[in-house]
Amino acid sequence: MKKMLMLTAAIALAAPLMGCNSPGERAAGGAVIGGLGGAGIGALASGGRAGGTLAGAAIGAASGAVIGAATAPPQRCAKWGWDYYGQRVCVAFYN
């Protein structure tokens, strides 16, 4: 039951990140989700003590921000062309 609850919570927390576009937005969203997850794990691991909760939140927020900023979505193609072998390739991207 706990595993299903954690999986549902993880999916619910990750859903708002699907619309993020800029690296700053992804970093902020990752920091929030990582901080909340880290605080929860830190609280469980330390028995509810404030030190463990704060340490977990700090580690989770930092790692969530780094991972969120590093995961850029692929660029969308604005113009398609053909290469020498007849395969379709992108020749221009949207900004």
PDB file of N, CA and C in Angstrom:
ATOM      1  N   MET A   1       0.821  -1.192   0.000  1.00  0.00           N
ATOM      2  CA  MET A   1       0.000   0.000   0.000  1.00  0.00           C
ATOM      3  C   MET A   1       0.870   1.263   0.000  1.00  0.00           C
ATOM      4  N   LYS A   2       1.937   1.249   0.809  1.00  0.00           N
ATOM      5  CA  LYS A   2       2.814   2.421   0.868  1.00  0.00           C
ATOM      6  C   LYS A   2       3.516   2.652  -0.461  1.00  0.00           C
ATOM      7  N   LYS A   3       3.905   1.560  -1.128  1.00  0.00           N
ATOM      8  CA  LYS A   3       4.585   1.706  -2.415  1.00  0.00           C
ATOM      9  C   LYS A   3       3.655   2.338  -3.445  1.00  0.00           C
ATOM     10  N   MET A   4       2.402   1.921  -3.449  1.00  0.00           N
ATOM     11  CA  MET A   4       1.438   2.478  -4.397  1.00  0.00           C
ATOM     12  C   MET A   4       1.180   3.951  -4.083  1.00  0.00           C
ATOM     13  N   LEU A   5       1.111   4.293  -2.818  1.00  0.00           N
ATOM     14  CA  LEU A   5       0.912   5.685  -2.424  1.00  0.00           C
ATOM     15  C   LEU A   5       2.103   6.545  -2.832  1.00  0.00           C
ATOM     16  N   MET A   6       3.312   6.030  -2.630  1.00  0.00           N
ATOM     17  CA  MET A   6       4.510   6.783  -3.020  1.00  0.00           C
ATOM     18  C   MET A   6       4.589   6.948  -4.537  1.00  0.00           C
ATOM     19  N   LEU A   7       4.231   5.908  -5.288  1.00  0.00           N
ATOM     20  CA  LEU A   7       4.242   5.994  -6.744  1.00  0.00           C
ATOM     21  C   LEU A   7       3.222   7.017  -7.227  1.00  0.00           C
ATOM     22  N   THR A   8       2.042   7.001  -6.650  1.00  0.00           N
ATOM     23  CA  THR A   8       1.016   7.974  -7.024  1.00  0.00           C
ATOM     24  C   THR A   8       1.461   9.391  -6.686  1.00  0.00           C
ATOM     25  N   ALA A   9       2.073   9.572  -5.533  1.00  0.00           N
ATOM     26  CA  ALA A   9       2.561  10.900  -5.152  1.00  0.00           C
ATOM     27  C   ALA A   9       3.671  11.362  -6.082  1.00  0.00           C
ATOM     28  N   ALA A  10       4.559  10.466  -6.468  1.00  0.00           N
ATOM     29  CA  ALA A  10       5.646  10.838  -7.382  1.00  0.00           C
ATOM     30  C   ALA A  10       5.105  11.253  -8.743  1.00  0.00           C
ATOM     31  N   ILE A  11       4.123  10.527  -9.242  1.00  0.00           N
ATOM     32  CA  ILE A  11       3.523  10.886 -10.533  1.00  0.00           C
ATOM     33  C   ILE A  11       2.796  12.215 -10.422  1.00  0.00           C
ATOM     34  N   ALA A  12       2.078  12.424  -9.332  1.00  0.00           N
ATOM     35  CA  ALA A  12       1.350  13.682  -9.153  1.00  0.00           C
ATOM     36  C   ALA A  12       2.299  14.866  -9.032  1.00  0.00           C
ATOM     37  N   LEU A  13       3.448  14.667  -8.399  1.00  0.00           N
ATOM     38  CA  LEU A  13       4.415  15.754  -8.275  1.00  0.00           C
ATOM     39  C   LEU A  13       5.159  16.011  -9.583  1.00  0.00           C
ATOM     40  N   ALA A  14       5.336  14.995 -10.402  1.00  0.00           N
ATOM     41  CA  ALA A  14       6.064  15.156 -11.660  1.00  0.00           C
ATOM     42  C   ALA A  14       5.186  15.718 -12.768  1.00  0.00           C
ATOM     43  N   ALA A  15       3.885  15.605 -12.659  1.00  0.00           N
ATOM     44  CA  ALA A  15       2.982  16.056 -13.718  1.00  0.00           C
ATOM     45  C   ALA A  15       3.123  17.541 -14.050  1.00  0.00           C
ATOM     46  N   PRO A  16       3.273  18.453 -13.085  1.00  0.00           N
ATOM     47  CA  PRO A  16       3.411  19.864 -13.456  1.00  0.00           C
ATOM     48  C   PRO A  16       4.675  20.186 -14.240  1.00  0.00           C
ATOM     49  N   LEU A  17       5.678  19.326 -14.182  1.00  0.00           N
ATOM     50  CA  LEU A  17       6.927  19.596 -14.901  1.00  0.00           C
ATOM     51  C   LEU A  17       6.812  19.353 -16.397  1.00  0.00           C
ATOM     52  N   MET A  18       5.745  18.724 -16.837  1.00  0.00           N
ATOM     53  CA  MET A  18       5.621  18.408 -18.255  1.00  0.00           C
ATOM     54  C   MET A  18       5.485  19.646 -19.120  1.00  0.00           C
ATOM     55  N   GLY A  19       5.019  20.753 -18.574  1.00  0.00           N
ATOM     56  CA  GLY A  19       4.849  21.961 -19.363  1.00  0.00           C
ATOM     57  C   GLY A  19       5.997  22.948 -19.244  1.00  0.00           C
ATOM     58  N   CYS A  20       7.013  22.631 -18.462  1.00  0.00           N
ATOM     59  CA  CYS A  20       8.134  23.550 -18.277  1.00  0.00           C
ATOM     60  C   CYS A  20       9.016  23.589 -19.519  1.00  0.00           C
ATOM     61  N   ASN A  21       9.455  24.784 -19.893  1.00  0.00           N
ATOM     62  CA  ASN A  21      10.258  24.920 -21.098  1.00  0.00           C
ATOM     63  C   ASN A  21      11.674  25.391 -20.832  1.00  0.00           C
ATOM     64  N   SER A  22      11.854  26.426 -20.051  1.00  0.00           N
ATOM     65  CA  SER A  22      13.193  26.984 -19.867  1.00  0.00           C
ATOM     66  C   SER A  22      13.961  26.191 -18.804  1.00  0.00           C
ATOM     67  N   PRO A  23      15.295  26.220 -18.866  1.00  0.00           N
ATOM     68  CA  PRO A  23      16.074  25.517 -17.841  1.00  0.00           C
ATOM     69  C   PRO A  23      15.804  26.046 -16.433  1.00  0.00           C
ATOM     70  N   GLY A  24      15.529  27.351 -16.310  1.00  0.00           N
ATOM     71  CA  GLY A  24      15.226  27.909 -14.996  1.00  0.00           C
ATOM     72  C   GLY A  24      13.935  27.365 -14.423  1.00  0.00           C
ATOM     73  N   GLU A  25      12.922  27.225 -15.267  1.00  0.00           N
ATOM     74  CA  GLU A  25      11.655  26.666 -14.800  1.00  0.00           C
ATOM     75  C   GLU A  25      11.817  25.199 -14.412  1.00  0.00           C
ATOM     76  N   ARG A  26      12.562  24.459 -15.201  1.00  0.00           N
ATOM     77  CA  ARG A  26      12.796  23.050 -14.875  1.00  0.00           C
ATOM     78  C   ARG A  26      13.622  22.925 -13.596  1.00  0.00           C
ATOM     79  N   ALA A  27      14.592  23.812 -13.395  1.00  0.00           N
ATOM     80  CA  ALA A  27      15.402  23.772 -12.176  1.00  0.00           C
ATOM     81  C   ALA A  27      14.544  24.093 -10.957  1.00  0.00           C
ATOM     82  N   ALA A  28      13.675  25.080 -11.073  1.00  0.00           N
ATOM     83  CA  ALA A  28      12.815  25.446  -9.943  1.00  0.00           C
ATOM     84  C   ALA A  28      11.842  24.320  -9.612  1.00  0.00           C
ATOM     85  N   GLY A  29      11.239  23.747 -10.630  1.00  0.00           N
ATOM     86  CA  GLY A  29      10.320  22.632 -10.394  1.00  0.00           C
ATOM     87  C   GLY A  29      11.031  21.430  -9.804  1.00  0.00           C
ATOM     88  N   GLY A  30      12.221  21.135 -10.312  1.00  0.00           N
ATOM     89  CA  GLY A  30      12.998  20.027  -9.768  1.00  0.00           C
ATOM     90  C   GLY A  30      13.416  20.267  -8.335  1.00  0.00           C
ATOM     91  N   ALA A  31      13.736  21.521  -8.005  1.00  0.00           N
ATOM     92  CA  ALA A  31      14.121  21.847  -6.633  1.00  0.00           C
ATOM     93  C   ALA A  31      12.950  21.659  -5.677  1.00  0.00           C
ATOM     94  N   VAL A  32      11.763  22.059  -6.102  1.00  0.00           N
ATOM     95  CA  VAL A  32      10.585  21.907  -5.241  1.00  0.00           C
ATOM     96  C   VAL A  32      10.283  20.432  -5.010  1.00  0.00           C
ATOM     97  N   ILE A  33      10.237  19.671  -6.095  1.00  0.00           N
ATOM     98  CA  ILE A  33       9.918  18.251  -5.957  1.00  0.00           C
ATOM     99  C   ILE A  33      11.020  17.522  -5.191  1.00  0.00           C
ATOM    100  N   GLY A  34      12.277  17.826  -5.500  1.00  0.00           N
ATOM    101  CA  GLY A  34      13.382  17.195  -4.777  1.00  0.00           C
ATOM    102  C   GLY A  34      13.398  17.567  -3.305  1.00  0.00           C
ATOM    103  N   GLY A  35      13.106  18.827  -3.009  1.00  0.00           N
ATOM    104  CA  GLY A  35      13.074  19.262  -1.614  1.00  0.00           C
ATOM    105  C   GLY A  35      11.977  18.586  -0.819  1.00  0.00           C
ATOM    106  N   LEU A  36      10.792  18.471  -1.422  1.00  0.00           N
ATOM    107  CA  LEU A  36       9.693  17.795  -0.726  1.00  0.00           C
ATOM    108  C   LEU A  36       9.988  16.314  -0.531  1.00  0.00           C
ATOM    109  N   GLY A  37      10.495  15.690  -1.578  1.00  0.00           N
ATOM    110  CA  GLY A  37      10.836  14.271  -1.456  1.00  0.00           C
ATOM    111  C   GLY A  37      11.963  14.041  -0.469  1.00  0.00           C
ATOM    112  N   GLY A  38      12.984  14.885  -0.526  1.00  0.00           N
ATOM    113  CA  GLY A  38      14.099  14.753   0.405  1.00  0.00           C
ATOM    114  C   GLY A  38      13.683  14.998   1.839  1.00  0.00           C
ATOM    115  N   ALA A  39      12.784  15.958   2.047  1.00  0.00           N
ATOM    116  CA  ALA A  39      12.300  16.216   3.407  1.00  0.00           C
ATOM    117  C   ALA A  39      11.525  15.020   3.941  1.00  0.00           C
ATOM    118  N   GLY A  40      10.717  14.424   3.081  1.00  0.00           N
ATOM    119  CA  GLY A  40       9.965  13.239   3.503  1.00  0.00           C
ATOM    120  C   GLY A  40      10.874  12.074   3.841  1.00  0.00           C
ATOM    121  N   ILE A  41      11.854  11.832   2.984  1.00  0.00           N
ATOM    122  CA  ILE A  41      12.790  10.735   3.239  1.00  0.00           C
ATOM    123  C   ILE A  41      13.643  11.028   4.472  1.00  0.00           C
ATOM    124  N   GLY A  42      14.083  12.280   4.616  1.00  0.00           N
ATOM    125  CA  GLY A  42      14.874  12.650   5.788  1.00  0.00           C
ATOM    126  C   GLY A  42      14.092  12.515   7.082  1.00  0.00           C
ATOM    127  N   ALA A  43      12.806  12.868   7.036  1.00  0.00           N
ATOM    128  CA  ALA A  43      11.974  12.740   8.229  1.00  0.00           C
ATOM    129  C   ALA A  43      11.770  11.276   8.596  1.00  0.00           C
ATOM    130  N   LEU A  44      11.559  10.432   7.590  1.00  0.00           N
ATOM    131  CA  LEU A  44      11.384   9.009   7.873  1.00  0.00           C
ATOM    132  C   LEU A  44      12.675   8.376   8.382  1.00  0.00           C
ATOM    133  N   ALA A  45      13.798   8.758   7.791  1.00  0.00           N
ATOM    134  CA  ALA A  45      15.076   8.159   8.177  1.00  0.00           C
ATOM    135  C   ALA A  45      15.543   8.610   9.557  1.00  0.00           C
ATOM    136  N   SER A  46      15.224   9.849   9.937  1.00  0.00           N
ATOM    137  CA  SER A  46      15.707  10.364  11.224  1.00  0.00           C
ATOM    138  C   SER A  46      14.675  10.244  12.337  1.00  0.00           C
ATOM    139  N   GLY A  47      13.552   9.647  12.049  1.00  0.00           N
ATOM    140  CA  GLY A  47      12.528   9.505  13.079  1.00  0.00           C
ATOM    141  C   GLY A  47      11.784  10.791  13.363  1.00  0.00           C
ATOM    142  N   GLY A  48      11.747  11.700  12.426  1.00  0.00           N
ATOM    143  CA  GLY A  48      11.007  12.940  12.581  1.00  0.00           C
ATOM    144  C   GLY A  48      11.790  14.081  13.189  1.00  0.00           C
ATOM    145  N   ARG A  49      13.081  13.929  13.361  1.00  0.00           N
ATOM    146  CA  ARG A  49      13.891  15.018  13.911  1.00  0.00           C
ATOM    147  C   ARG A  49      14.087  16.100  12.862  1.00  0.00           C
ATOM    148  N   ALA A  50      14.204  17.325  13.319  1.00  0.00           N
ATOM    149  CA  ALA A  50      14.304  18.462  12.400  1.00  0.00           C
ATOM    150  C   ALA A  50      15.594  18.443  11.602  1.00  0.00           C
ATOM    151  N   GLY A  51      16.684  18.027  12.197  1.00  0.00           N
ATOM    152  CA  GLY A  51      17.971  18.022  11.501  1.00  0.00           C
ATOM    153  C   GLY A  51      17.960  17.115  10.286  1.00  0.00           C
ATOM    154  N   GLY A  52      17.436  15.917  10.445  1.00  0.00           N
ATOM    155  CA  GLY A  52      17.365  14.983   9.328  1.00  0.00           C
ATOM    156  C   GLY A  52      16.420  15.457   8.245  1.00  0.00           C
ATOM    157  N   THR A  53      15.317  16.066   8.666  1.00  0.00           N
ATOM    158  CA  THR A  53      14.354  16.585   7.698  1.00  0.00           C
ATOM    159  C   THR A  53      14.952  17.726   6.894  1.00  0.00           C
ATOM    160  N   LEU A  54      15.637  18.642   7.561  1.00  0.00           N
ATOM    161  CA  LEU A  54      16.253  19.772   6.857  1.00  0.00           C
ATOM    162  C   LEU A  54      17.394  19.331   5.955  1.00  0.00           C
ATOM    163  N   ALA A  55      18.189  18.383   6.422  1.00  0.00           N
ATOM    164  CA  ALA A  55      19.283  17.879   5.586  1.00  0.00           C
ATOM    165  C   ALA A  55      18.732  17.184   4.350  1.00  0.00           C
ATOM    166  N   GLY A  56      17.703  16.379   4.518  1.00  0.00           N
ATOM    167  CA  GLY A  56      17.080  15.708   3.377  1.00  0.00           C
ATOM    168  C   GLY A  56      16.478  16.696   2.400  1.00  0.00           C
ATOM    169  N   ALA A  57      15.852  17.750   2.925  1.00  0.00           N
ATOM    170  CA  ALA A  57      15.267  18.769   2.056  1.00  0.00           C
ATOM    171  C   ALA A  57      16.342  19.509   1.279  1.00  0.00           C
ATOM    172  N   ALA A  58      17.450  19.844   1.926  1.00  0.00           N
ATOM    173  CA  ALA A  58      18.529  20.565   1.242  1.00  0.00           C
ATOM    174  C   ALA A  58      19.173  19.710   0.162  1.00  0.00           C
ATOM    175  N   ILE A  59      19.449  18.456   0.482  1.00  0.00           N
ATOM    176  CA  ILE A  59      20.064  17.563  -0.502  1.00  0.00           C
ATOM    177  C   ILE A  59      19.100  17.307  -1.652  1.00  0.00           C
ATOM    178  N   GLY A  60      17.837  17.085  -1.342  1.00  0.00           N
ATOM    179  CA  GLY A  60      16.843  16.835  -2.384  1.00  0.00           C
ATOM    180  C   GLY A  60      16.625  18.040  -3.276  1.00  0.00           C
ATOM    181  N   ALA A  61      16.592  19.232  -2.689  1.00  0.00           N
ATOM    182  CA  ALA A  61      16.391  20.440  -3.494  1.00  0.00           C
ATOM    183  C   ALA A  61      17.580  20.700  -4.403  1.00  0.00           C
ATOM    184  N   ALA A  62      18.776  20.515  -3.891  1.00  0.00           N
ATOM    185  CA  ALA A  62      19.969  20.740  -4.714  1.00  0.00           C
ATOM    186  C   ALA A  62      20.046  19.748  -5.862  1.00  0.00           C
ATOM    187  N   SER A  63      19.839  18.476  -5.556  1.00  0.00           N
ATOM    188  CA  SER A  63      19.919  17.482  -6.626  1.00  0.00           C
ATOM    189  C   SER A  63      18.758  17.625  -7.598  1.00  0.00           C
ATOM    190  N   GLY A  64      17.577  17.981  -7.129  1.00  0.00           N
ATOM    191  CA  GLY A  64      16.440  18.198  -8.026  1.00  0.00           C
ATOM    192  C   GLY A  64      16.656  19.372  -8.954  1.00  0.00           C
ATOM    193  N   ALA A  65      17.271  20.432  -8.454  1.00  0.00           N
ATOM    194  CA  ALA A  65      17.546  21.593  -9.304  1.00  0.00           C
ATOM    195  C   ALA A  65      18.572  21.260 -10.374  1.00  0.00           C
ATOM    196  N   VAL A  66      19.610  20.531 -10.001  1.00  0.00           N
ATOM    197  CA  VAL A  66      20.647  20.163 -10.976  1.00  0.00           C
ATOM    198  C   VAL A  66      20.072  19.244 -12.046  1.00  0.00           C
ATOM    199  N   ILE A  67      19.334  18.238 -11.629  1.00  0.00           N
ATOM    200  CA  ILE A  67      18.758  17.299 -12.595  1.00  0.00           C
ATOM    201  C   ILE A  67      17.706  17.987 -13.449  1.00  0.00           C
ATOM    202  N   GLY A  68      16.888  18.845 -12.848  1.00  0.00           N
ATOM    203  CA  GLY A  68      15.865  19.549 -13.615  1.00  0.00           C
ATOM    204  C   GLY A  68      16.443  20.468 -14.670  1.00  0.00           C
ATOM    205  N   ALA A  69      17.521  21.149 -14.348  1.00  0.00           N
ATOM    206  CA  ALA A  69      18.139  22.056 -15.316  1.00  0.00           C
ATOM    207  C   ALA A  69      18.877  21.300 -16.408  1.00  0.00           C
ATOM    208  N   ALA A  70      19.352  20.110 -16.106  1.00  0.00           N
ATOM    209  CA  ALA A  70      20.150  19.354 -17.076  1.00  0.00           C
ATOM    210  C   ALA A  70      19.305  18.571 -18.070  1.00  0.00           C
ATOM    211  N   THR A  71      18.037  18.391 -17.793  1.00  0.00           N
ATOM    212  CA  THR A  71      17.192  17.586 -18.672  1.00  0.00           C
ATOM    213  C   THR A  71      16.385  18.483 -19.588  1.00  0.00           C
ATOM    214  N   ALA A  72      16.984  18.863 -20.687  1.00  0.00           N
ATOM    215  CA  ALA A  72      16.307  19.729 -21.653  1.00  0.00           C
ATOM    216  C   ALA A  72      15.509  18.887 -22.643  1.00  0.00           C
ATOM    217  N   PRO A  73      14.315  19.334 -23.002  1.00  0.00           N
ATOM    218  CA  PRO A  73      13.550  18.601 -24.008  1.00  0.00           C
ATOM    219  C   PRO A  73      14.188  18.770 -25.382  1.00  0.00           C
ATOM    220  N   PRO A  74      13.963  17.844 -26.285  1.00  0.00           N
ATOM    221  CA  PRO A  74      14.541  17.980 -27.621  1.00  0.00           C
ATOM    222  C   PRO A  74      13.928  19.163 -28.363  1.00  0.00           C
ATOM    223  N   GLN A  75      14.725  19.778 -29.229  1.00  0.00           N
ATOM    224  CA  GLN A  75      14.230  20.917 -29.994  1.00  0.00           C
ATOM    225  C   GLN A  75      13.234  20.445 -31.044  1.00  0.00           C
ATOM    226  N   ARG A  76      12.267  21.317 -31.363  1.00  0.00           N
ATOM    227  CA  ARG A  76      11.295  21.004 -32.407  1.00  0.00           C
ATOM    228  C   ARG A  76      11.826  21.477 -33.748  1.00  0.00           C
ATOM    229  N   CYS A  77      11.576  20.696 -34.757  1.00  0.00           N
ATOM    230  CA  CYS A  77      12.091  21.007 -36.085  1.00  0.00           C
ATOM    231  C   CYS A  77      11.162  21.988 -36.793  1.00  0.00           C
ATOM    232  N   ALA A  78      11.743  23.033 -37.387  1.00  0.00           N
ATOM    233  CA  ALA A  78      10.967  24.026 -38.120  1.00  0.00           C
ATOM    234  C   ALA A  78      10.953  23.742 -39.619  1.00  0.00           C
ATOM    235  N   LYS A  79      12.001  23.109 -40.120  1.00  0.00           N
ATOM    236  CA  LYS A  79      12.089  22.857 -41.556  1.00  0.00           C
ATOM    237  C   LYS A  79      12.789  21.523 -41.793  1.00  0.00           C
ATOM    238  N   TRP A  80      12.166  20.697 -42.607  1.00  0.00           N
ATOM    239  CA  TRP A  80      12.717  19.387 -42.922  1.00  0.00           C
ATOM    240  C   TRP A  80      13.366  19.403 -44.297  1.00  0.00           C
ATOM    241  N   GLY A  81      14.373  18.585 -44.467  1.00  0.00           N
ATOM    242  CA  GLY A  81      15.042  18.425 -45.755  1.00  0.00           C
ATOM    243  C   GLY A  81      15.424  16.969 -45.946  1.00  0.00           C
ATOM    244  N   TRP A  82      16.191  16.699 -46.988  1.00  0.00           N
ATOM    245  CA  TRP A  82      16.591  15.330 -47.312  1.00  0.00           C
ATOM    246  C   TRP A  82      18.109  15.274 -47.422  1.00  0.00           C
ATOM    247  N   ASP A  83      18.695  14.215 -46.877  1.00  0.00           N
ATOM    248  CA  ASP A  83      20.142  14.069 -46.994  1.00  0.00           C
ATOM    249  C   ASP A  83      20.498  13.292 -48.266  1.00  0.00           C
ATOM    250  N   TYR A  84      21.762  13.023 -48.433  1.00  0.00           N
ATOM    251  CA  TYR A  84      22.279  12.368 -49.633  1.00  0.00           C
ATOM    252  C   TYR A  84      21.660  10.979 -49.838  1.00  0.00           C
ATOM    253  N   TYR A  85      21.308  10.302 -48.731  1.00  0.00           N
ATOM    254  CA  TYR A  85      20.782   8.942 -48.806  1.00  0.00           C
ATOM    255  C   TYR A  85      19.259   8.894 -48.884  1.00  0.00           C
ATOM    256  N   GLY A  86      18.620  10.043 -48.975  1.00  0.00           N
ATOM    257  CA  GLY A  86      17.163  10.096 -49.072  1.00  0.00           C
ATOM    258  C   GLY A  86      16.449  10.031 -47.741  1.00  0.00           C
ATOM    259  N   GLN A  87      17.176  10.221 -46.654  1.00  0.00           N
ATOM    260  CA  GLN A  87      16.558  10.202 -45.339  1.00  0.00           C
ATOM    261  C   GLN A  87      16.163  11.617 -44.934  1.00  0.00           C
ATOM    262  N   ARG A  88      15.034  11.709 -44.257  1.00  0.00           N
ATOM    263  CA  ARG A  88      14.520  13.000 -43.823  1.00  0.00           C
ATOM    264  C   ARG A  88      15.339  13.505 -42.637  1.00  0.00           C
ATOM    265  N   VAL A  89      15.813  14.758 -42.714  1.00  0.00           N
ATOM    266  CA  VAL A  89      16.605  15.363 -41.640  1.00  0.00           C
ATOM    267  C   VAL A  89      16.083  16.769 -41.359  1.00  0.00           C
ATOM    268  N   CYS A  90      16.303  17.225 -40.153  1.00  0.00           N
ATOM    269  CA  CYS A  90      15.899  18.576 -39.777  1.00  0.00           C
ATOM    270  C   CYS A  90      17.005  19.551 -40.169  1.00  0.00           C
ATOM    271  N   VAL A  91      16.616  20.629 -40.844  1.00  0.00           N
ATOM    272  CA  VAL A  91      17.612  21.615 -41.273  1.00  0.00           C
ATOM    273  C   VAL A  91      17.466  22.945 -40.542  1.00  0.00           C
ATOM    274  N   ALA A  92      16.380  23.134 -39.772  1.00  0.00           N
ATOM    275  CA  ALA A  92      16.187  24.370 -38.999  1.00  0.00           C
ATOM    276  C   ALA A  92      15.320  24.057 -37.781  1.00  0.00           C
ATOM    277  N   PHE A  93      15.656  24.675 -36.646  1.00  0.00           N
ATOM    278  CA  PHE A  93      14.933  24.448 -35.401  1.00  0.00           C
ATOM    279  C   PHE A  93      14.202  25.715 -34.970  1.00  0.00           C
ATOM    280  N   TYR A  94      13.095  25.521 -34.209  1.00  0.00           N
ATOM    281  CA  TYR A  94      12.429  26.650 -33.566  1.00  0.00           C
ATOM    282  C   TYR A  94      13.296  27.127 -32.409  1.00  0.00           C
ATOM    283  N   ASN A  95      13.204  28.399 -32.042  1.00  0.00           N
ATOM    284  CA  ASN A  95      13.963  28.924 -30.900  1.00  0.00           C
ATOM    285  C   ASN A  95      13.268  28.633 -29.623  1.00  0.00           C
TER     286      ASN A  95
END
